[in-house]
Amino acid sequence: MNQIILLRQTLKPLLGWHGARLNFLALFLIALLRVKTINLAELATGFRSNTKTESNYKKLQRFFRSFYSIFPDAKVAYLAGDREFIGKAWLSYLLIEPTIPFRLRIRESDAVWS
């Protein structure tokens, strides 16, 4: 719990958010480091709080649904994907004009050509 308090204190002057939102963000960031995945269902299990996992999952969904209003000046440099994003249909979609900048991690044995 000390990590959450410390993170909240660090984020408060930077974001100016109210306590509940700061607490959620601190729990989210620590869970992200703990669980090491961006899968929301799995990430919800990494919250160390008295809240049910299902409630944490819904909070995560709401947070990302309103992500643009939370950080309106944020610029997305590129889309990042792991091995499960590999496939002809997915790559074809990413290469449609206008192209979306992307970075995909692939296995050494995989080949990509156009």
PDB file of N, CA and C in Angstrom:
ATOM      1  N   MET A   1       0.815  -1.202   0.000  1.00  0.00           N
ATOM      2  CA  MET A   1       0.000   0.000   0.000  1.00  0.00           C
ATOM      3  C   MET A   1       0.856   1.262   0.000  1.00  0.00           C
ATOM      4  N   ASN A   2       2.066   1.185   0.548  1.00  0.00           N
ATOM      5  CA  ASN A   2       2.945   2.349   0.553  1.00  0.00           C
ATOM      6  C   ASN A   2       3.312   2.790  -0.852  1.00  0.00           C
ATOM      7  N   GLN A   3       3.431   1.813  -1.789  1.00  0.00           N
ATOM      8  CA  GLN A   3       3.737   2.148  -3.177  1.00  0.00           C
ATOM      9  C   GLN A   3       2.620   2.994  -3.774  1.00  0.00           C
ATOM     10  N   ILE A   4       1.400   2.639  -3.475  1.00  0.00           N
ATOM     11  CA  ILE A   4       0.249   3.361  -4.012  1.00  0.00           C
ATOM     12  C   ILE A   4       0.214   4.784  -3.476  1.00  0.00           C
ATOM     13  N   ILE A   5       0.436   4.951  -2.177  1.00  0.00           N
ATOM     14  CA  ILE A   5       0.440   6.285  -1.565  1.00  0.00           C
ATOM     15  C   ILE A   5       1.548   7.137  -2.164  1.00  0.00           C
ATOM     16  N   LEU A   6       2.729   6.568  -2.309  1.00  0.00           N
ATOM     17  CA  LEU A   6       3.859   7.295  -2.879  1.00  0.00           C
ATOM     18  C   LEU A   6       3.591   7.690  -4.326  1.00  0.00           C
ATOM     19  N   LEU A   7       3.038   6.784  -5.098  1.00  0.00           N
ATOM     20  CA  LEU A   7       2.719   7.084  -6.493  1.00  0.00           C
ATOM     21  C   LEU A   7       1.636   8.148  -6.598  1.00  0.00           C
ATOM     22  N   ARG A   8       0.617   8.069  -5.746  1.00  0.00           N
ATOM     23  CA  ARG A   8      -0.429   9.106  -5.727  1.00  0.00           C
ATOM     24  C   ARG A   8       0.162  10.480  -5.434  1.00  0.00           C
ATOM     25  N   GLN A   9       1.046  10.548  -4.437  1.00  0.00           N
ATOM     26  CA  GLN A   9       1.668  11.823  -4.072  1.00  0.00           C
ATOM     27  C   GLN A   9       2.519  12.374  -5.209  1.00  0.00           C
ATOM     28  N   THR A  10       3.148  11.489  -5.955  1.00  0.00           N
ATOM     29  CA  THR A  10       3.979  11.911  -7.077  1.00  0.00           C
ATOM     30  C   THR A  10       3.125  12.408  -8.240  1.00  0.00           C
ATOM     31  N   LEU A  11       2.010  11.743  -8.507  1.00  0.00           N
ATOM     32  CA  LEU A  11       1.158  12.085  -9.645  1.00  0.00           C
ATOM     33  C   LEU A  11       0.264  13.297  -9.405  1.00  0.00           C
ATOM     34  N   LYS A  12      -0.122  13.525  -8.166  1.00  0.00           N
ATOM     35  CA  LYS A  12      -1.083  14.595  -7.857  1.00  0.00           C
ATOM     36  C   LYS A  12      -0.670  15.961  -8.414  1.00  0.00           C
ATOM     37  N   PRO A  13       0.562  16.447  -8.171  1.00  0.00           N
ATOM     38  CA  PRO A  13       0.901  17.770  -8.716  1.00  0.00           C
ATOM     39  C   PRO A  13       1.021  17.771 -10.245  1.00  0.00           C
ATOM     40  N   LEU A  14       1.259  16.621 -10.832  1.00  0.00           N
ATOM     41  CA  LEU A  14       1.402  16.556 -12.289  1.00  0.00           C
ATOM     42  C   LEU A  14       0.064  16.541 -13.009  1.00  0.00           C
ATOM     43  N   LEU A  15      -0.936  15.897 -12.398  1.00  0.00           N
ATOM     44  CA  LEU A  15      -2.218  15.716 -13.066  1.00  0.00           C
ATOM     45  C   LEU A  15      -3.339  16.566 -12.480  1.00  0.00           C
ATOM     46  N   GLY A  16      -3.264  16.879 -11.195  1.00  0.00           N
ATOM     47  CA  GLY A  16      -4.313  17.677 -10.566  1.00  0.00           C
ATOM     48  C   GLY A  16      -5.638  16.943 -10.450  1.00  0.00           C
ATOM     49  N   TRP A  17      -5.635  15.629 -10.438  1.00  0.00           N
ATOM     50  CA  TRP A  17      -6.852  14.840 -10.347  1.00  0.00           C
ATOM     51  C   TRP A  17      -7.302  14.692  -8.906  1.00  0.00           C
ATOM     52  N   HIS A  18      -8.588  14.313  -8.716  1.00  0.00           N
ATOM     53  CA  HIS A  18      -9.116  14.067  -7.379  1.00  0.00           C
ATOM     54  C   HIS A  18      -8.616  12.721  -6.864  1.00  0.00           C
ATOM     55  N   GLY A  19      -8.783  12.481  -5.578  1.00  0.00           N
ATOM     56  CA  GLY A  19      -8.227  11.316  -4.906  1.00  0.00           C
ATOM     57  C   GLY A  19      -8.612   9.977  -5.496  1.00  0.00           C
ATOM     58  N   ALA A  20      -9.890   9.777  -5.843  1.00  0.00           N
ATOM     59  CA  ALA A  20     -10.342   8.478  -6.351  1.00  0.00           C
ATOM     60  C   ALA A  20      -9.684   8.155  -7.692  1.00  0.00           C
ATOM     61  N   ARG A  21      -9.603   9.139  -8.557  1.00  0.00           N
ATOM     62  CA  ARG A  21      -8.989   8.908  -9.875  1.00  0.00           C
ATOM     63  C   ARG A  21      -7.492   8.661  -9.731  1.00  0.00           C
ATOM     64  N   LEU A  22      -6.837   9.418  -8.850  1.00  0.00           N
ATOM     65  CA  LEU A  22      -5.407   9.200  -8.604  1.00  0.00           C
ATOM     66  C   LEU A  22      -5.162   7.816  -8.018  1.00  0.00           C
ATOM     67  N   ASN A  23      -6.016   7.399  -7.110  1.00  0.00           N
ATOM     68  CA  ASN A  23      -5.884   6.083  -6.509  1.00  0.00           C
ATOM     69  C   ASN A  23      -6.020   4.992  -7.574  1.00  0.00           C
ATOM     70  N   PHE A  24      -7.006   5.147  -8.454  1.00  0.00           N
ATOM     71  CA  PHE A  24      -7.189   4.175  -9.529  1.00  0.00           C
ATOM     72  C   PHE A  24      -5.956   4.117 -10.419  1.00  0.00           C
ATOM     73  N   LEU A  25      -5.437   5.269 -10.814  1.00  0.00           N
ATOM     74  CA  LEU A  25      -4.275   5.293 -11.697  1.00  0.00           C
ATOM     75  C   LEU A  25      -3.064   4.638 -11.030  1.00  0.00           C
ATOM     76  N   ALA A  26      -2.870   4.903  -9.757  1.00  0.00           N
ATOM     77  CA  ALA A  26      -1.760   4.284  -9.032  1.00  0.00           C
ATOM     78  C   ALA A  26      -1.936   2.765  -8.965  1.00  0.00           C
ATOM     79  N   LEU A  27      -3.152   2.308  -8.645  1.00  0.00           N
ATOM     80  CA  LEU A  27      -3.426   0.865  -8.621  1.00  0.00           C
ATOM     81  C   LEU A  27      -3.205   0.249 -10.001  1.00  0.00           C
ATOM     82  N   PHE A  28      -3.653   0.946 -11.038  1.00  0.00           N
ATOM     83  CA  PHE A  28      -3.508   0.470 -12.410  1.00  0.00           C
ATOM     84  C   PHE A  28      -2.034   0.328 -12.800  1.00  0.00           C
ATOM     85  N   LEU A  29      -1.241   1.348 -12.529  1.00  0.00           N
ATOM     86  CA  LEU A  29       0.177   1.305 -12.900  1.00  0.00           C
ATOM     87  C   LEU A  29       0.930   0.210 -12.153  1.00  0.00           C
ATOM     88  N   ILE A  30       0.646   0.059 -10.891  1.00  0.00           N
ATOM     89  CA  ILE A  30       1.312  -0.992 -10.112  1.00  0.00           C
ATOM     90  C   ILE A  30       0.850  -2.376 -10.572  1.00  0.00           C
ATOM     91  N   ALA A  31      -0.436  -2.525 -10.875  1.00  0.00           N
ATOM     92  CA  ALA A  31      -0.937  -3.803 -11.388  1.00  0.00           C
ATOM     93  C   ALA A  31      -0.306  -4.129 -12.738  1.00  0.00           C
ATOM     94  N   LEU A  32      -0.114  -3.124 -13.563  1.00  0.00           N
ATOM     95  CA  LEU A  32       0.523  -3.311 -14.865  1.00  0.00           C
ATOM     96  C   LEU A  32       1.933  -3.867 -14.714  1.00  0.00           C
ATOM     97  N   LEU A  33       2.665  -3.338 -13.772  1.00  0.00           N
ATOM     98  CA  LEU A  33       4.020  -3.839 -13.509  1.00  0.00           C
ATOM     99  C   LEU A  33       3.990  -5.230 -12.881  1.00  0.00           C
ATOM    100  N   ARG A  34       3.003  -5.482 -12.066  1.00  0.00           N
ATOM    101  CA  ARG A  34       2.901  -6.758 -11.361  1.00  0.00           C
ATOM    102  C   ARG A  34       2.473  -7.891 -12.302  1.00  0.00           C
ATOM    103  N   VAL A  35       1.447  -7.640 -13.110  1.00  0.00           N
ATOM    104  CA  VAL A  35       0.868  -8.682 -13.947  1.00  0.00           C
ATOM    105  C   VAL A  35       1.624  -8.825 -15.275  1.00  0.00           C
ATOM    106  N   LYS A  36       2.223  -7.734 -15.746  1.00  0.00           N
ATOM    107  CA  LYS A  36       3.036  -7.724 -16.979  1.00  0.00           C
ATOM    108  C   LYS A  36       2.228  -8.084 -18.217  1.00  0.00           C
ATOM    109  N   THR A  37       1.011  -7.574 -18.285  1.00  0.00           N
ATOM    110  CA  THR A  37       0.175  -7.765 -19.463  1.00  0.00           C
ATOM    111  C   THR A  37      -0.750  -6.565 -19.591  1.00  0.00           C
ATOM    112  N   ILE A  38      -1.223  -6.331 -20.807  1.00  0.00           N
ATOM    113  CA  ILE A  38      -2.198  -5.257 -20.993  1.00  0.00           C
ATOM    114  C   ILE A  38      -3.602  -5.816 -21.206  1.00  0.00           C
ATOM    115  N   ASN A  39      -3.747  -7.129 -21.064  1.00  0.00           N
ATOM    116  CA  ASN A  39      -5.054  -7.758 -21.127  1.00  0.00           C
ATOM    117  C   ASN A  39      -5.855  -7.278 -19.914  1.00  0.00           C
ATOM    118  N   LEU A  40      -6.949  -6.567 -20.157  1.00  0.00           N
ATOM    119  CA  LEU A  40      -7.688  -5.950 -19.060  1.00  0.00           C
ATOM    120  C   LEU A  40      -8.238  -6.960 -18.065  1.00  0.00           C
ATOM    121  N   ALA A  41      -8.690  -8.116 -18.541  1.00  0.00           N
ATOM    122  CA  ALA A  41      -9.226  -9.128 -17.623  1.00  0.00           C
ATOM    123  C   ALA A  41      -8.133  -9.629 -16.682  1.00  0.00           C
ATOM    124  N   GLU A  42      -6.943  -9.839 -17.205  1.00  0.00           N
ATOM    125  CA  GLU A  42      -5.840 -10.287 -16.362  1.00  0.00           C
ATOM    126  C   GLU A  42      -5.317  -9.149 -15.491  1.00  0.00           C
ATOM    127  N   LEU A  43      -5.291  -7.967 -16.059  1.00  0.00           N
ATOM    128  CA  LEU A  43      -4.812  -6.800 -15.325  1.00  0.00           C
ATOM    129  C   LEU A  43      -5.690  -6.515 -14.111  1.00  0.00           C
ATOM    130  N   ALA A  44      -6.977  -6.737 -14.239  1.00  0.00           N
ATOM    131  CA  ALA A  44      -7.915  -6.500 -13.135  1.00  0.00           C
ATOM    132  C   ALA A  44      -7.612  -7.388 -11.933  1.00  0.00           C
ATOM    133  N   THR A  45      -6.977  -8.535 -12.164  1.00  0.00           N
ATOM    134  CA  THR A  45      -6.630  -9.420 -11.053  1.00  0.00           C
ATOM    135  C   THR A  45      -5.408  -8.918 -10.289  1.00  0.00           C
ATOM    136  N   GLY A  46      -4.662  -7.987 -10.870  1.00  0.00           N
ATOM    137  CA  GLY A  46      -3.443  -7.493 -10.249  1.00  0.00           C
ATOM    138  C   GLY A  46      -3.649  -6.331  -9.295  1.00  0.00           C
ATOM    139  N   PHE A  47      -4.877  -5.822  -9.200  1.00  0.00           N
ATOM    140  CA  PHE A  47      -5.172  -4.740  -8.270  1.00  0.00           C
ATOM    141  C   PHE A  47      -5.173  -5.301  -6.858  1.00  0.00           C
ATOM    142  N   ARG A  48      -4.368  -4.752  -6.000  1.00  0.00           N
ATOM    143  CA  ARG A  48      -4.365  -5.204  -4.604  1.00  0.00           C
ATOM    144  C   ARG A  48      -5.251  -4.258  -3.805  1.00  0.00           C
ATOM    145  N   SER A  49      -6.522  -4.546  -3.859  1.00  0.00           N
ATOM    146  CA  SER A  49      -7.490  -3.724  -3.129  1.00  0.00           C
ATOM    147  C   SER A  49      -8.619  -4.637  -2.673  1.00  0.00           C
ATOM    148  N   ASN A  50      -9.535  -4.077  -1.910  1.00  0.00           N
ATOM    149  CA  ASN A  50     -10.681  -4.842  -1.425  1.00  0.00           C
ATOM    150  C   ASN A  50     -11.783  -4.946  -2.468  1.00  0.00           C
ATOM    151  N   THR A  51     -11.591  -4.280  -3.596  1.00  0.00           N
ATOM    152  CA  THR A  51     -12.583  -4.276  -4.667  1.00  0.00           C
ATOM    153  C   THR A  51     -12.561  -5.602  -5.422  1.00  0.00           C
ATOM    154  N   LYS A  52     -13.724  -6.059  -5.860  1.00  0.00           N
ATOM    155  CA  LYS A  52     -13.819  -7.300  -6.630  1.00  0.00           C
ATOM    156  C   LYS A  52     -13.124  -7.131  -7.976  1.00  0.00           C
ATOM    157  N   THR A  53     -12.597  -8.223  -8.484  1.00  0.00           N
ATOM    158  CA  THR A  53     -11.913  -8.217  -9.779  1.00  0.00           C
ATOM    159  C   THR A  53     -12.828  -7.701 -10.882  1.00  0.00           C
ATOM    160  N   GLU A  54     -14.097  -8.088 -10.851  1.00  0.00           N
ATOM    161  CA  GLU A  54     -15.063  -7.643 -11.862  1.00  0.00           C
ATOM    162  C   GLU A  54     -15.225  -6.125 -11.844  1.00  0.00           C
ATOM    163  N   SER A  55     -15.222  -5.536 -10.655  1.00  0.00           N
ATOM    164  CA  SER A  55     -15.337  -4.086 -10.537  1.00  0.00           C
ATOM    165  C   SER A  55     -14.092  -3.401 -11.085  1.00  0.00           C
ATOM    166  N   ASN A  56     -12.927  -3.976 -10.803  1.00  0.00           N
ATOM    167  CA  ASN A  56     -11.690  -3.414 -11.346  1.00  0.00           C
ATOM    168  C   ASN A  56     -11.684  -3.478 -12.868  1.00  0.00           C
ATOM    169  N   TYR A  57     -12.196  -4.567 -13.403  1.00  0.00           N
ATOM    170  CA  TYR A  57     -12.284  -4.721 -14.857  1.00  0.00           C
ATOM    171  C   TYR A  57     -13.173  -3.630 -15.459  1.00  0.00           C
ATOM    172  N   LYS A  58     -14.311  -3.374 -14.834  1.00  0.00           N
ATOM    173  CA  LYS A  58     -15.222  -2.336 -15.327  1.00  0.00           C
ATOM    174  C   LYS A  58     -14.589  -0.950 -15.220  1.00  0.00           C
ATOM    175  N   LYS A  59     -13.840  -0.708 -14.140  1.00  0.00           N
ATOM    176  CA  LYS A  59     -13.137   0.575 -13.993  1.00  0.00           C
ATOM    177  C   LYS A  59     -12.109   0.758 -15.101  1.00  0.00           C
ATOM    178  N   LEU A  60     -11.398  -0.304 -15.419  1.00  0.00           N
ATOM    179  CA  LEU A  60     -10.421  -0.238 -16.508  1.00  0.00           C
ATOM    180  C   LEU A  60     -11.101   0.075 -17.832  1.00  0.00           C
ATOM    181  N   GLN A  61     -12.227  -0.565 -18.096  1.00  0.00           N
ATOM    182  CA  GLN A  61     -12.971  -0.303 -19.325  1.00  0.00           C
ATOM    183  C   GLN A  61     -13.416   1.162 -19.402  1.00  0.00           C
ATOM    184  N   ARG A  62     -13.962   1.672 -18.310  1.00  0.00           N
ATOM    185  CA  ARG A  62     -14.410   3.075 -18.287  1.00  0.00           C
ATOM    186  C   ARG A  62     -13.242   4.031 -18.493  1.00  0.00           C
ATOM    187  N   PHE A  63     -12.126   3.738 -17.849  1.00  0.00           N
ATOM    188  CA  PHE A  63     -10.940   4.590 -17.970  1.00  0.00           C
ATOM    189  C   PHE A  63     -10.488   4.681 -19.424  1.00  0.00           C
ATOM    190  N   PHE A  64     -10.394   3.544 -20.104  1.00  0.00           N
ATOM    191  CA  PHE A  64      -9.919   3.561 -21.479  1.00  0.00           C
ATOM    192  C   PHE A  64     -10.967   4.044 -22.461  1.00  0.00           C
ATOM    193  N   ARG A  65     -12.233   3.909 -22.109  1.00  0.00           N
ATOM    194  CA  ARG A  65     -13.293   4.431 -22.966  1.00  0.00           C
ATOM    195  C   ARG A  65     -13.227   5.954 -23.020  1.00  0.00           C
ATOM    196  N   SER A  66     -12.814   6.569 -21.901  1.00  0.00           N
ATOM    197  CA  SER A  66     -12.695   8.027 -21.859  1.00  0.00           C
ATOM    198  C   SER A  66     -11.221   8.458 -21.896  1.00  0.00           C
ATOM    199  N   PHE A  67     -10.297   7.591 -22.509  1.00  0.00           N
ATOM    200  CA  PHE A  67      -8.854   7.892 -22.470  1.00  0.00           C
ATOM    201  C   PHE A  67      -8.541   9.242 -23.105  1.00  0.00           C
ATOM    202  N   TYR A  68      -9.256   9.622 -24.331  1.00  0.00           N
ATOM    203  CA  TYR A  68      -8.960  10.860 -25.041  1.00  0.00           C
ATOM    204  C   TYR A  68      -9.320  12.079 -24.201  1.00  0.00           C
ATOM    205  N   SER A  69     -10.436  12.024 -23.470  1.00  0.00           N
ATOM    206  CA  SER A  69     -10.828  13.174 -22.649  1.00  0.00           C
ATOM    207  C   SER A  69      -9.908  13.337 -21.434  1.00  0.00           C
ATOM    208  N   ILE A  70      -9.255  12.239 -21.027  1.00  0.00           N
ATOM    209  CA  ILE A  70      -8.352  12.313 -19.887  1.00  0.00           C
ATOM    210  C   ILE A  70      -7.019  12.938 -20.291  1.00  0.00           C
ATOM    211  N   PHE A  71      -6.512  12.546 -21.446  1.00  0.00           N
ATOM    212  CA  PHE A  71      -5.242  13.063 -21.963  1.00  0.00           C
ATOM    213  C   PHE A  71      -5.472  13.627 -23.365  1.00  0.00           C
ATOM    214  N   PRO A  72      -6.168  14.763 -23.487  1.00  0.00           N
ATOM    215  CA  PRO A  72      -6.540  15.264 -24.816  1.00  0.00           C
ATOM    216  C   PRO A  72      -5.348  15.682 -25.684  1.00  0.00           C
ATOM    217  N   ASP A  73      -4.233  16.025 -25.091  1.00  0.00           N
ATOM    218  CA  ASP A  73      -3.082  16.474 -25.872  1.00  0.00           C
ATOM    219  C   ASP A  73      -2.124  15.343 -26.228  1.00  0.00           C
ATOM    220  N   ALA A  74      -2.459  14.124 -25.828  1.00  0.00           N
ATOM    221  CA  ALA A  74      -1.568  12.990 -26.086  1.00  0.00           C
ATOM    222  C   ALA A  74      -1.511  12.689 -27.579  1.00  0.00           C
ATOM    223  N   LYS A  75      -0.334  12.438 -28.067  1.00  0.00           N
ATOM    224  CA  LYS A  75      -0.118  12.055 -29.462  1.00  0.00           C
ATOM    225  C   LYS A  75       0.342  10.603 -29.494  1.00  0.00           C
ATOM    226  N   VAL A  76      -0.244   9.817 -30.366  1.00  0.00           N
ATOM    227  CA  VAL A  76       0.139   8.424 -30.503  1.00  0.00           C
ATOM    228  C   VAL A  76       1.220   8.341 -31.572  1.00  0.00           C
ATOM    229  N   ALA A  77       2.398   7.873 -31.165  1.00  0.00           N
ATOM    230  CA  ALA A  77       3.512   7.780 -32.101  1.00  0.00           C
ATOM    231  C   ALA A  77       3.359   6.572 -33.016  1.00  0.00           C
ATOM    232  N   TYR A  78       2.929   5.453 -32.464  1.00  0.00           N
ATOM    233  CA  TYR A  78       2.742   4.243 -33.255  1.00  0.00           C
ATOM    234  C   TYR A  78       1.947   3.216 -32.464  1.00  0.00           C
ATOM    235  N   LEU A  79       1.425   2.249 -33.180  1.00  0.00           N
ATOM    236  CA  LEU A  79       0.716   1.127 -32.594  1.00  0.00           C
ATOM    237  C   LEU A  79       1.736   0.029 -32.334  1.00  0.00           C
ATOM    238  N   ALA A  80       1.764  -0.499 -31.137  1.00  0.00           N
ATOM    239  CA  ALA A  80       2.697  -1.574 -30.791  1.00  0.00           C
ATOM    240  C   ALA A  80       1.926  -2.875 -30.633  1.00  0.00           C
ATOM    241  N   GLY A  81       2.479  -3.957 -31.157  1.00  0.00           N
ATOM    242  CA  GLY A  81       1.825  -5.248 -31.063  1.00  0.00           C
ATOM    243  C   GLY A  81       2.816  -6.356 -30.803  1.00  0.00           C
ATOM    244  N   ASP A  82       2.334  -7.396 -30.163  1.00  0.00           N
ATOM    245  CA  ASP A  82       3.168  -8.546 -29.863  1.00  0.00           C
ATOM    246  C   ASP A  82       2.867  -9.652 -30.864  1.00  0.00           C
ATOM    247  N   ARG A  83       3.388 -10.811 -30.633  1.00  0.00           N
ATOM    248  CA  ARG A  83       3.311 -11.917 -31.593  1.00  0.00           C
ATOM    249  C   ARG A  83       1.895 -12.306 -31.991  1.00  0.00           C
ATOM    250  N   GLU A  84       0.928 -12.118 -31.092  1.00  0.00           N
ATOM    251  CA  GLU A  84      -0.433 -12.513 -31.449  1.00  0.00           C
ATOM    252  C   GLU A  84      -1.075 -11.599 -32.488  1.00  0.00           C
ATOM    253  N   PHE A  85      -0.408 -10.500 -32.845  1.00  0.00           N
ATOM    254  CA  PHE A  85      -0.926  -9.586 -33.860  1.00  0.00           C
ATOM    255  C   PHE A  85      -0.411  -9.917 -35.256  1.00  0.00           C
ATOM    256  N   ILE A  86       0.331 -10.988 -35.383  1.00  0.00           N
ATOM    257  CA  ILE A  86       0.895 -11.356 -36.675  1.00  0.00           C
ATOM    258  C   ILE A  86      -0.164 -12.069 -37.507  1.00  0.00           C
ATOM    259  N   GLY A  87      -0.205 -11.743 -38.768  1.00  0.00           N
ATOM    260  CA  GLY A  87      -1.141 -12.388 -39.688  1.00  0.00           C
ATOM    261  C   GLY A  87      -1.319 -11.515 -40.911  1.00  0.00           C
ATOM    262  N   LYS A  88      -1.584 -12.158 -42.043  1.00  0.00           N
ATOM    263  CA  LYS A  88      -1.710 -11.424 -43.310  1.00  0.00           C
ATOM    264  C   LYS A  88      -2.833 -10.390 -43.266  1.00  0.00           C
ATOM    265  N   ALA A  89      -3.988 -10.772 -42.738  1.00  0.00           N
ATOM    266  CA  ALA A  89      -5.128  -9.843 -42.701  1.00  0.00           C
ATOM    267  C   ALA A  89      -4.802  -8.616 -41.843  1.00  0.00           C
ATOM    268  N   TRP A  90      -4.192  -8.838 -40.696  1.00  0.00           N
ATOM    269  CA  TRP A  90      -3.860  -7.739 -39.784  1.00  0.00           C
ATOM    270  C   TRP A  90      -2.803  -6.817 -40.407  1.00  0.00           C
ATOM    271  N   LEU A  91      -1.763  -7.397 -40.971  1.00  0.00           N
ATOM    272  CA  LEU A  91      -0.718  -6.582 -41.605  1.00  0.00           C
ATOM    273  C   LEU A  91      -1.270  -5.818 -42.808  1.00  0.00           C
ATOM    274  N   SER A  92      -2.147  -6.458 -43.574  1.00  0.00           N
ATOM    275  CA  SER A  92      -2.760  -5.781 -44.724  1.00  0.00           C
ATOM    276  C   SER A  92      -3.558  -4.562 -44.260  1.00  0.00           C
ATOM    277  N   TYR A  93      -4.281  -4.714 -43.157  1.00  0.00           N
ATOM    278  CA  TYR A  93      -5.048  -3.592 -42.609  1.00  0.00           C
ATOM    279  C   TYR A  93      -4.126  -2.442 -42.192  1.00  0.00           C
ATOM    280  N   LEU A  94      -3.024  -2.778 -41.557  1.00  0.00           N
ATOM    281  CA  LEU A  94      -2.104  -1.737 -41.102  1.00  0.00           C
ATOM    282  C   LEU A  94      -1.444  -0.993 -42.258  1.00  0.00           C
ATOM    283  N   LEU A  95      -1.368  -1.619 -43.411  1.00  0.00           N
ATOM    284  CA  LEU A  95      -0.695  -1.008 -44.560  1.00  0.00           C
ATOM    285  C   LEU A  95      -1.641  -0.247 -45.487  1.00  0.00           C
ATOM    286  N   ILE A  96      -2.938  -0.219 -45.158  1.00  0.00           N
ATOM    287  CA  ILE A  96      -3.914   0.542 -45.950  1.00  0.00           C
ATOM    288  C   ILE A  96      -3.598   2.023 -45.817  1.00  0.00           C
ATOM    289  N   GLU A  97      -3.764   2.770 -46.887  1.00  0.00           N
ATOM    290  CA  GLU A  97      -3.541   4.221 -46.846  1.00  0.00           C
ATOM    291  C   GLU A  97      -4.689   4.889 -46.117  1.00  0.00           C
ATOM    292  N   PRO A  98      -4.505   5.879 -45.277  1.00  0.00           N
ATOM    293  CA  PRO A  98      -3.201   6.297 -44.776  1.00  0.00           C
ATOM    294  C   PRO A  98      -2.677   5.266 -43.783  1.00  0.00           C
ATOM    295  N   THR A  99      -1.426   4.987 -43.881  1.00  0.00           N
ATOM    296  CA  THR A  99      -0.838   3.956 -43.033  1.00  0.00           C
ATOM    297  C   THR A  99      -0.782   4.406 -41.577  1.00  0.00           C
ATOM    298  N   ILE A 100      -0.919   3.434 -40.717  1.00  0.00           N
ATOM    299  CA  ILE A 100      -0.796   3.656 -39.282  1.00  0.00           C
ATOM    300  C   ILE A 100       0.623   3.249 -38.908  1.00  0.00           C
ATOM    301  N   PRO A 101       1.405   4.154 -38.324  1.00  0.00           N
ATOM    302  CA  PRO A 101       2.748   3.730 -37.896  1.00  0.00           C
ATOM    303  C   PRO A 101       2.633   2.591 -36.880  1.00  0.00           C
ATOM    304  N   PHE A 102       3.441   1.557 -37.063  1.00  0.00           N
ATOM    305  CA  PHE A 102       3.346   0.424 -36.147  1.00  0.00           C
ATOM    306  C   PHE A 102       4.703  -0.222 -35.919  1.00  0.00           C
ATOM    307  N   ARG A 103       4.785  -0.938 -34.802  1.00  0.00           N
ATOM    308  CA  ARG A 103       5.951  -1.735 -34.433  1.00  0.00           C
ATOM    309  C   ARG A 103       5.413  -3.080 -33.963  1.00  0.00           C
ATOM    310  N   LEU A 104       5.824  -4.151 -34.602  1.00  0.00           N
ATOM    311  CA  LEU A 104       5.381  -5.482 -34.232  1.00  0.00           C
ATOM    312  C   LEU A 104       6.574  -6.333 -33.832  1.00  0.00           C
ATOM    313  N   ARG A 105       6.433  -7.037 -32.745  1.00  0.00           N
ATOM    314  CA  ARG A 105       7.468  -7.965 -32.318  1.00  0.00           C
ATOM    315  C   ARG A 105       7.146  -9.314 -32.947  1.00  0.00           C
ATOM    316  N   ILE A 106       8.125  -9.877 -33.630  1.00  0.00           N
ATOM    317  CA  ILE A 106       7.901 -11.163 -34.290  1.00  0.00           C
ATOM    318  C   ILE A 106       8.977 -12.155 -33.863  1.00  0.00           C
ATOM    319  N   ARG A 107       8.697 -13.435 -34.095  1.00  0.00           N
ATOM    320  CA  ARG A 107       9.679 -14.474 -33.799  1.00  0.00           C
ATOM    321  C   ARG A 107      10.817 -14.385 -34.817  1.00  0.00           C
ATOM    322  N   GLU A 108      11.957 -14.821 -34.421  1.00  0.00           N
ATOM    323  CA  GLU A 108      13.120 -14.810 -35.299  1.00  0.00           C
ATOM    324  C   GLU A 108      12.865 -15.648 -36.550  1.00  0.00           C
ATOM    325  N   SER A 109      12.042 -16.684 -36.401  1.00  0.00           N
ATOM    326  CA  SER A 109      11.773 -17.591 -37.517  1.00  0.00           C
ATOM    327  C   SER A 109      10.704 -17.062 -38.483  1.00  0.00           C
ATOM    328  N   ASP A 110       9.993 -15.989 -38.120  1.00  0.00           N
ATOM    329  CA  ASP A 110       8.959 -15.427 -38.990  1.00  0.00           C
ATOM    330  C   ASP A 110       9.586 -14.561 -40.079  1.00  0.00           C
ATOM    331  N   ALA A 111       8.898 -14.488 -41.196  1.00  0.00           N
ATOM    332  CA  ALA A 111       9.362 -13.652 -42.307  1.00  0.00           C
ATOM    333  C   ALA A 111       8.248 -12.706 -42.703  1.00  0.00           C
ATOM    334  N   VAL A 112       8.611 -11.484 -43.042  1.00  0.00           N
ATOM    335  CA  VAL A 112       7.645 -10.477 -43.470  1.00  0.00           C
ATOM    336  C   VAL A 112       8.128  -9.937 -44.808  1.00  0.00           C
ATOM    337  N   TRP A 113       7.233  -9.916 -45.780  1.00  0.00           N
ATOM    338  CA  TRP A 113       7.580  -9.356 -47.086  1.00  0.00           C
ATOM    339  C   TRP A 113       6.334  -8.715 -47.677  1.00  0.00           C
ATOM    340  N   SER A 114       6.540  -7.839 -48.632  1.00  0.00           N
ATOM    341  CA  SER A 114       5.398  -7.149 -49.250  1.00  0.00           C
ATOM    342  C   SER A 114       5.213  -7.590 -50.679  1.00  0.00           C
TER     343      SER A 114
END
